[in-house]
Amino acid sequence: MSKGTTFGVVLIAALAGGAVLWQMHNQKEISRASAAVAVTAPQPAAVAEEPRDSGARELKEMADPAADAARRAAVDAKKTPVAADAGSPLHAGETWQYSANISKLSSVANLRLKVAEKRNFLGKSAWHLQAFAHTENPFRMVFALDDQFDSYSDAATLVSMQYEMHLNEKGQTVDSVQRMSPGVREPAPANAIAARVLPGTRDPLGMMQYLRTVDWAKTPGVRSPVYDGHKLYDVHARLLARGEPVTVPAGNFNTLKIELQVLDNGVEMKDAHFILYLSNAEARLPVLLEAVMPFAVARVELVKAE
């Protein structure tokens, strides 16, 4: 699979369940192993493995108050994420229906994105975000797909706490539950994988909602590490135009046109291009995603907002 393809597919999943494209292009299953997963980090930062004598070192630092204070300050600094807009447009129960069109194929899948609820997760206030994807006939006759994605993201920053992929494709099911573990080794529960990521990492669903919280009148661009369940990317979002007219099945919208630049290990992907359109209103609805990738051109259009 070429660079850009993996992220592009999961980016569409962030808007509306792009496992449709993922599975059309790549039939590899996600590992069900419960061992910790070390993911590749964007450059120049890296995810460092803890040395084997880390426990002894920490005990020594704890015995030295000055060293322990310095260590804690360094850890806290690394954990400080980019904050979301205080006037967040997210509301529990928000649901959006989408239609995915790929190249010359119309309505390949029906897709749903949902802000399920705000709840306590691991002792913190978190948004439970969901995406669902179902292939449509006649494509469904050759590729039946019913996938679900779940994200538990920090309510203030939308930094990922846990990302889940529940895939049901051609009668085969795969479940992947990944607990985000930034910076240090944190044991995952028995039914999850520990994914060691950079502090401030978002998953695709959280990243999509985070872009809604940005005050684009004051901020021309933002960046964030994004973990797609397989790999860690560095994503730059840049406002290209304000007041861009867009027509989708849900109606006519005045939008914010946002370009998404994706870096893999510090190198910009050249074989994929993504443009996201958010409604230029307080709700900042995800109206349209256009993705140009090596194997397909995708257009994910808003059909209905509830």
Protein backbone atom coordinates (compact mmCIF):
# COMPACT_ATOMS: atom_id res chain seq x y z
CA MET A 1 0.00 0.00 0.00
CA SER A 2 1.42 3.41 -0.94
CA LYS A 3 1.93 6.23 1.53
CA GLY A 4 -1.20 8.25 2.00
CA THR A 5 -3.55 5.39 1.26
CA THR A 6 -3.78 4.15 4.84
CA PHE A 7 -4.31 7.58 6.32
CA GLY A 8 -6.65 8.62 3.53
CA VAL A 9 -8.90 5.66 4.12
CA VAL A 10 -9.05 6.18 7.86
CA LEU A 11 -9.52 9.91 7.42
CA ILE A 12 -12.65 9.11 5.47
CA ALA A 13 -13.53 6.80 8.37
CA ALA A 14 -13.24 9.82 10.62
CA LEU A 15 -15.89 11.59 8.59
CA ALA A 16 -17.99 8.58 7.70
CA GLY A 17 -16.57 5.11 8.08
CA GLY A 18 -14.06 4.79 5.25
CA ALA A 19 -13.29 1.17 5.99
CA VAL A 20 -15.14 0.72 2.70
CA LEU A 21 -12.06 1.98 0.88
CA TRP A 22 -9.65 0.32 3.29
CA GLN A 23 -11.04 -3.13 2.69
CA MET A 24 -11.43 -2.64 -1.06
CA HIS A 25 -7.71 -1.94 -1.26
CA ASN A 26 -6.27 -4.05 1.54
CA GLN A 27 -7.66 -7.26 3.04
CA LYS A 28 -5.21 -7.54 5.95
CA GLU A 29 -6.81 -8.13 9.32
CA ILE A 30 -5.99 -6.20 12.44
CA SER A 31 -4.06 -8.23 14.99
CA ARG A 32 -6.10 -9.50 17.93
CA ALA A 33 -3.03 -9.79 20.12
CA SER A 34 -3.25 -8.09 23.50
CA ALA A 35 0.48 -7.27 23.64
CA ALA A 36 1.62 -3.64 23.67
CA VAL A 37 2.04 -1.98 20.28
CA ALA A 38 4.80 0.58 19.68
CA VAL A 39 3.67 2.89 16.89
CA THR A 40 5.82 4.96 14.56
CA ALA A 41 5.93 8.61 15.60
CA PRO A 42 6.17 11.68 13.39
CA GLN A 43 9.66 13.19 13.20
CA PRO A 44 11.49 14.77 14.89
CA ALA A 45 9.77 13.35 17.95
CA ALA A 46 9.96 9.64 18.68
CA VAL A 47 8.31 7.15 20.99
CA ALA A 48 11.07 5.88 23.24
CA GLU A 49 11.11 2.43 24.75
CA GLU A 50 11.48 2.38 28.51
CA PRO A 51 14.90 0.97 29.53
CA ARG A 52 14.85 -2.26 31.47
CA ASP A 53 16.20 -0.58 34.60
CA SER A 54 13.56 2.17 34.50
CA GLY A 55 11.99 0.93 37.74
CA ALA A 56 15.27 1.21 39.61
CA ARG A 57 15.90 4.66 38.11
CA GLU A 58 12.45 5.89 39.17
CA LEU A 59 12.99 4.62 42.74
CA LYS A 60 16.28 6.50 42.85
CA GLU A 61 14.64 9.69 41.58
CA MET A 62 11.83 9.38 44.10
CA ALA A 63 14.43 9.22 46.86
CA ASP A 64 15.87 12.51 45.55
CA PRO A 65 13.07 15.15 45.79
CA ALA A 66 14.77 17.58 43.38
CA ALA A 67 15.29 14.91 40.71
CA ASP A 68 11.75 13.61 41.17
CA ALA A 69 10.27 17.12 40.83
CA ALA A 70 12.25 17.75 37.65
CA ARG A 71 11.14 14.42 36.19
CA ARG A 72 7.47 15.12 36.97
CA ALA A 73 7.69 18.62 35.47
CA ALA A 74 9.15 17.19 32.25
CA VAL A 75 6.40 14.58 32.02
CA ASP A 76 3.67 17.16 32.68
CA ALA A 77 5.10 19.46 29.99
CA LYS A 78 4.99 16.67 27.43
CA LYS A 79 1.38 15.88 28.33
CA THR A 80 0.13 19.43 27.70
CA PRO A 81 -2.05 19.15 24.57
CA VAL A 82 -3.34 21.84 22.23
CA ALA A 83 -6.63 22.94 23.75
CA ALA A 84 -9.89 23.00 21.85
CA ASP A 85 -12.04 26.12 21.52
CA ALA A 86 -13.79 26.80 24.83
CA GLY A 87 -17.08 27.34 22.98
CA SER A 88 -17.21 23.78 21.68
CA PRO A 89 -19.96 23.09 19.13
CA LEU A 90 -20.22 19.41 20.13
CA HIS A 91 -23.53 18.26 21.57
CA ALA A 92 -24.54 14.81 22.78
CA GLY A 93 -26.81 13.03 20.32
CA GLU A 94 -25.63 14.84 17.18
CA THR A 95 -25.91 12.49 14.20
CA TRP A 96 -24.96 12.94 10.54
CA GLN A 97 -25.82 10.67 7.61
CA TYR A 98 -23.44 10.54 4.61
CA SER A 99 -23.21 8.95 1.20
CA ALA A 100 -19.82 7.78 -0.09
CA ASN A 101 -19.15 7.99 -3.82
CA ILE A 102 -15.94 6.46 -5.16
CA SER A 103 -14.70 7.45 -8.62
CA LYS A 104 -17.64 6.69 -10.98
CA LEU A 105 -19.53 4.58 -8.42
CA SER A 106 -22.37 6.42 -6.69
CA SER A 107 -23.70 5.58 -3.22
CA VAL A 108 -21.22 2.80 -2.57
CA ALA A 109 -21.93 3.04 1.16
CA ASN A 110 -24.23 4.73 3.64
CA LEU A 111 -22.35 6.20 6.54
CA ARG A 112 -23.21 7.65 9.91
CA LEU A 113 -21.21 9.82 12.30
CA LYS A 114 -22.42 10.39 15.85
CA VAL A 115 -21.52 12.28 19.03
CA ALA A 116 -22.99 9.62 21.28
CA GLU A 117 -22.54 11.11 24.74
CA LYS A 118 -20.29 12.87 27.22
CA ARG A 119 -19.33 10.50 30.02
CA ASN A 120 -16.76 9.58 32.63
CA PHE A 121 -13.99 7.46 31.12
CA LEU A 122 -10.93 6.41 33.13
CA GLY A 123 -11.79 9.07 35.70
CA LYS A 124 -11.95 11.90 33.13
CA SER A 125 -14.72 13.65 31.25
CA ALA A 126 -14.74 12.27 27.70
CA TRP A 127 -16.76 12.35 24.49
CA HIS A 128 -17.91 9.00 23.14
CA LEU A 129 -17.72 9.38 19.34
CA GLN A 130 -18.93 6.81 16.81
CA ALA A 131 -18.87 6.10 13.07
CA PHE A 132 -20.74 3.36 11.18
CA ALA A 133 -20.28 2.14 7.59
CA HIS A 134 -22.52 -0.16 5.53
CA THR A 135 -22.09 -0.99 1.87
CA GLU A 136 -25.08 -0.53 -0.44
CA ASN A 137 -26.48 -2.70 -3.24
CA PRO A 138 -25.38 -3.63 -5.82
CA PHE A 139 -21.86 -3.31 -4.38
CA ARG A 140 -22.98 -5.09 -1.23
CA MET A 141 -23.64 -8.27 -3.21
CA VAL A 142 -19.89 -8.59 -3.87
CA PHE A 143 -18.61 -6.94 -0.69
CA ALA A 144 -20.82 -6.92 2.40
CA LEU A 145 -19.40 -4.57 5.01
CA ASP A 146 -20.85 -3.47 8.35
CA ASP A 147 -18.22 -1.65 10.40
CA GLN A 148 -18.27 0.40 13.58
CA PHE A 149 -15.64 2.74 15.02
CA ASP A 150 -15.67 4.08 18.61
CA SER A 151 -13.54 6.81 20.14
CA TYR A 152 -13.29 7.95 23.75
CA SER A 153 -11.65 11.37 23.57
CA ASP A 154 -10.87 13.90 26.29
CA ALA A 155 -13.81 16.34 26.54
CA ALA A 156 -11.60 19.45 26.67
CA THR A 157 -8.94 18.62 24.08
CA LEU A 158 -10.36 15.64 22.13
CA VAL A 159 -7.07 13.83 22.68
CA SER A 160 -7.64 10.09 22.28
CA MET A 161 -7.98 7.87 25.33
CA GLN A 162 -9.24 4.73 23.56
CA TYR A 163 -9.93 3.86 19.91
CA GLU A 164 -11.96 0.84 18.79
CA MET A 165 -12.55 -0.81 15.41
CA HIS A 166 -15.30 -3.44 15.18
CA LEU A 167 -15.24 -4.83 11.65
CA ASN A 168 -17.74 -7.22 10.06
CA GLU A 169 -16.78 -7.83 6.44
CA LYS A 170 -17.90 -10.66 4.18
CA GLY A 171 -19.00 -12.64 7.23
CA GLN A 172 -15.68 -12.26 9.07
CA THR A 173 -15.43 -10.21 12.25
CA VAL A 174 -12.40 -8.49 13.76
CA ASP A 175 -12.41 -6.44 16.97
CA SER A 176 -9.56 -4.10 17.92
CA VAL A 177 -9.65 -2.11 21.17
CA GLN A 178 -6.60 0.12 21.64
CA ARG A 179 -5.89 2.03 24.84
CA MET A 180 -3.73 5.09 24.21
CA SER A 181 -0.57 5.10 26.33
CA PRO A 182 1.36 8.36 25.83
CA GLY A 183 4.96 8.57 26.92
CA VAL A 184 5.03 5.84 29.54
CA ARG A 185 4.07 2.20 29.70
CA GLU A 186 0.57 1.86 31.04
CA PRO A 187 -0.92 -1.62 31.19
CA ALA A 188 -3.99 -2.16 29.05
CA PRO A 189 -6.99 -4.16 30.29
CA ALA A 190 -7.24 -7.80 29.27
CA ASN A 191 -9.49 -7.06 26.28
CA ALA A 192 -7.40 -4.21 24.82
CA ILE A 193 -4.07 -3.40 23.19
CA ALA A 194 -1.78 -0.74 24.68
CA ALA A 195 -0.77 1.64 21.88
CA ARG A 196 2.19 3.84 22.89
CA VAL A 197 1.71 7.19 21.18
CA LEU A 198 2.89 10.79 21.50
CA PRO A 199 1.26 13.01 24.12
CA GLY A 200 -1.61 14.92 22.52
CA THR A 201 -2.36 12.21 19.94
CA ARG A 202 -5.89 12.12 18.53
CA ASP A 203 -7.63 9.31 16.68
CA PRO A 204 -9.47 10.02 13.38
CA LEU A 205 -12.87 10.53 15.02
CA GLY A 206 -11.42 12.84 17.66
CA MET A 207 -9.42 14.76 15.05
CA MET A 208 -12.53 15.36 12.97
CA GLN A 209 -14.42 16.74 15.96
CA TYR A 210 -11.40 18.76 17.09
CA LEU A 211 -11.40 20.58 13.75
CA ARG A 212 -14.98 21.66 14.51
CA THR A 213 -13.81 23.27 17.76
CA VAL A 214 -11.06 25.39 16.20
CA ASP A 215 -11.83 29.11 15.95
CA TRP A 216 -10.89 29.48 12.28
CA ALA A 217 -11.49 33.25 12.43
CA LYS A 218 -8.46 33.53 14.71
CA THR A 219 -6.45 30.43 13.80
CA PRO A 220 -5.20 29.91 10.22
CA GLY A 221 -3.95 26.39 10.92
CA VAL A 222 -3.45 23.65 13.50
CA ARG A 223 -1.44 20.44 13.68
CA SER A 224 -1.78 17.21 15.65
CA PRO A 225 -0.40 13.67 15.79
CA VAL A 226 -3.15 11.27 14.64
CA TYR A 227 -3.14 7.52 15.26
CA ASP A 228 -5.36 5.62 12.79
CA GLY A 229 -5.28 2.27 14.58
CA HIS A 230 -2.22 1.16 12.59
CA LYS A 231 0.22 4.06 12.41
CA LEU A 232 0.94 7.52 13.79
CA TYR A 233 0.87 10.51 11.42
CA ASP A 234 1.49 14.23 11.75
CA VAL A 235 -1.53 16.12 10.37
CA HIS A 236 -1.55 19.82 9.48
CA ALA A 237 -4.91 21.49 8.84
CA ARG A 238 -4.89 24.85 7.01
CA LEU A 239 -7.76 27.18 6.17
CA LEU A 240 -7.80 27.76 2.40
CA ALA A 241 -11.00 29.78 1.97
CA ARG A 242 -13.93 31.16 3.91
CA GLY A 243 -17.41 31.34 2.39
CA GLU A 244 -16.86 28.51 -0.12
CA PRO A 245 -20.27 27.46 -1.59
CA VAL A 246 -20.93 23.71 -1.43
CA THR A 247 -23.98 21.74 -2.59
CA VAL A 248 -24.62 18.25 -1.16
CA PRO A 249 -27.83 16.20 -0.76
CA ALA A 250 -28.44 17.89 2.62
CA GLY A 251 -28.61 21.30 0.91
CA ASN A 252 -26.52 24.35 0.05
CA PHE A 253 -23.86 25.47 2.51
CA ASN A 254 -21.49 28.36 3.00
CA THR A 255 -18.33 26.58 4.16
CA LEU A 256 -14.81 26.77 5.50
CA LYS A 257 -12.48 25.05 3.03
CA ILE A 258 -9.71 23.26 4.94
CA GLU A 259 -6.72 21.47 3.44
CA LEU A 260 -5.30 18.50 5.35
CA GLN A 261 -1.58 17.92 4.90
CA VAL A 262 -0.33 14.54 6.12
CA LEU A 263 3.27 13.80 7.08
CA ASP A 264 4.60 10.26 7.48
CA ASN A 265 7.85 10.21 9.48
CA GLY A 266 8.35 13.89 8.71
CA VAL A 267 7.82 13.54 4.95
CA GLU A 268 4.75 15.03 3.29
CA MET A 269 2.66 12.50 1.40
CA LYS A 270 2.58 13.36 -2.30
CA ASP A 271 0.16 10.68 -3.52
CA ALA A 272 -2.90 11.78 -1.56
CA HIS A 273 -4.83 15.03 -1.19
CA PHE A 274 -7.67 15.87 1.20
CA ILE A 275 -10.05 18.80 1.43
CA LEU A 276 -12.61 19.10 4.23
CA TYR A 277 -15.56 21.50 4.11
CA LEU A 278 -17.12 22.62 7.41
CA SER A 279 -20.23 24.75 7.49
CA ASN A 280 -19.27 28.39 8.15
CA ALA A 281 -21.61 28.64 11.12
CA GLU A 282 -21.47 28.04 14.86
CA ALA A 283 -22.13 24.30 14.48
CA ARG A 284 -19.31 23.84 11.91
CA LEU A 285 -20.92 20.72 10.48
CA PRO A 286 -18.71 18.35 8.44
CA VAL A 287 -20.46 18.86 5.10
CA LEU A 288 -18.11 17.30 2.54
CA LEU A 289 -14.80 15.46 2.31
CA GLU A 290 -12.95 15.16 -0.97
CA ALA A 291 -10.08 12.68 -1.12
CA VAL A 292 -7.81 12.03 -4.10
CA MET A 293 -5.79 8.85 -3.61
CA PRO A 294 -3.74 6.62 -5.94
CA PHE A 295 -6.51 4.05 -6.34
CA ALA A 296 -9.65 6.16 -6.13
CA VAL A 297 -11.27 9.57 -5.92
CA ALA A 298 -13.75 9.72 -3.04
CA ARG A 299 -16.48 12.22 -2.25
CA VAL A 300 -18.27 11.84 1.07
CA GLU A 301 -21.40 14.03 1.13
CA LEU A 302 -23.71 15.02 3.96
CA VAL A 303 -27.22 13.66 3.38
CA LYS A 304 -28.93 14.54 6.65
CA ALA A 305 -28.03 16.19 9.99
CA GLU A 306 -30.02 15.37 13.11
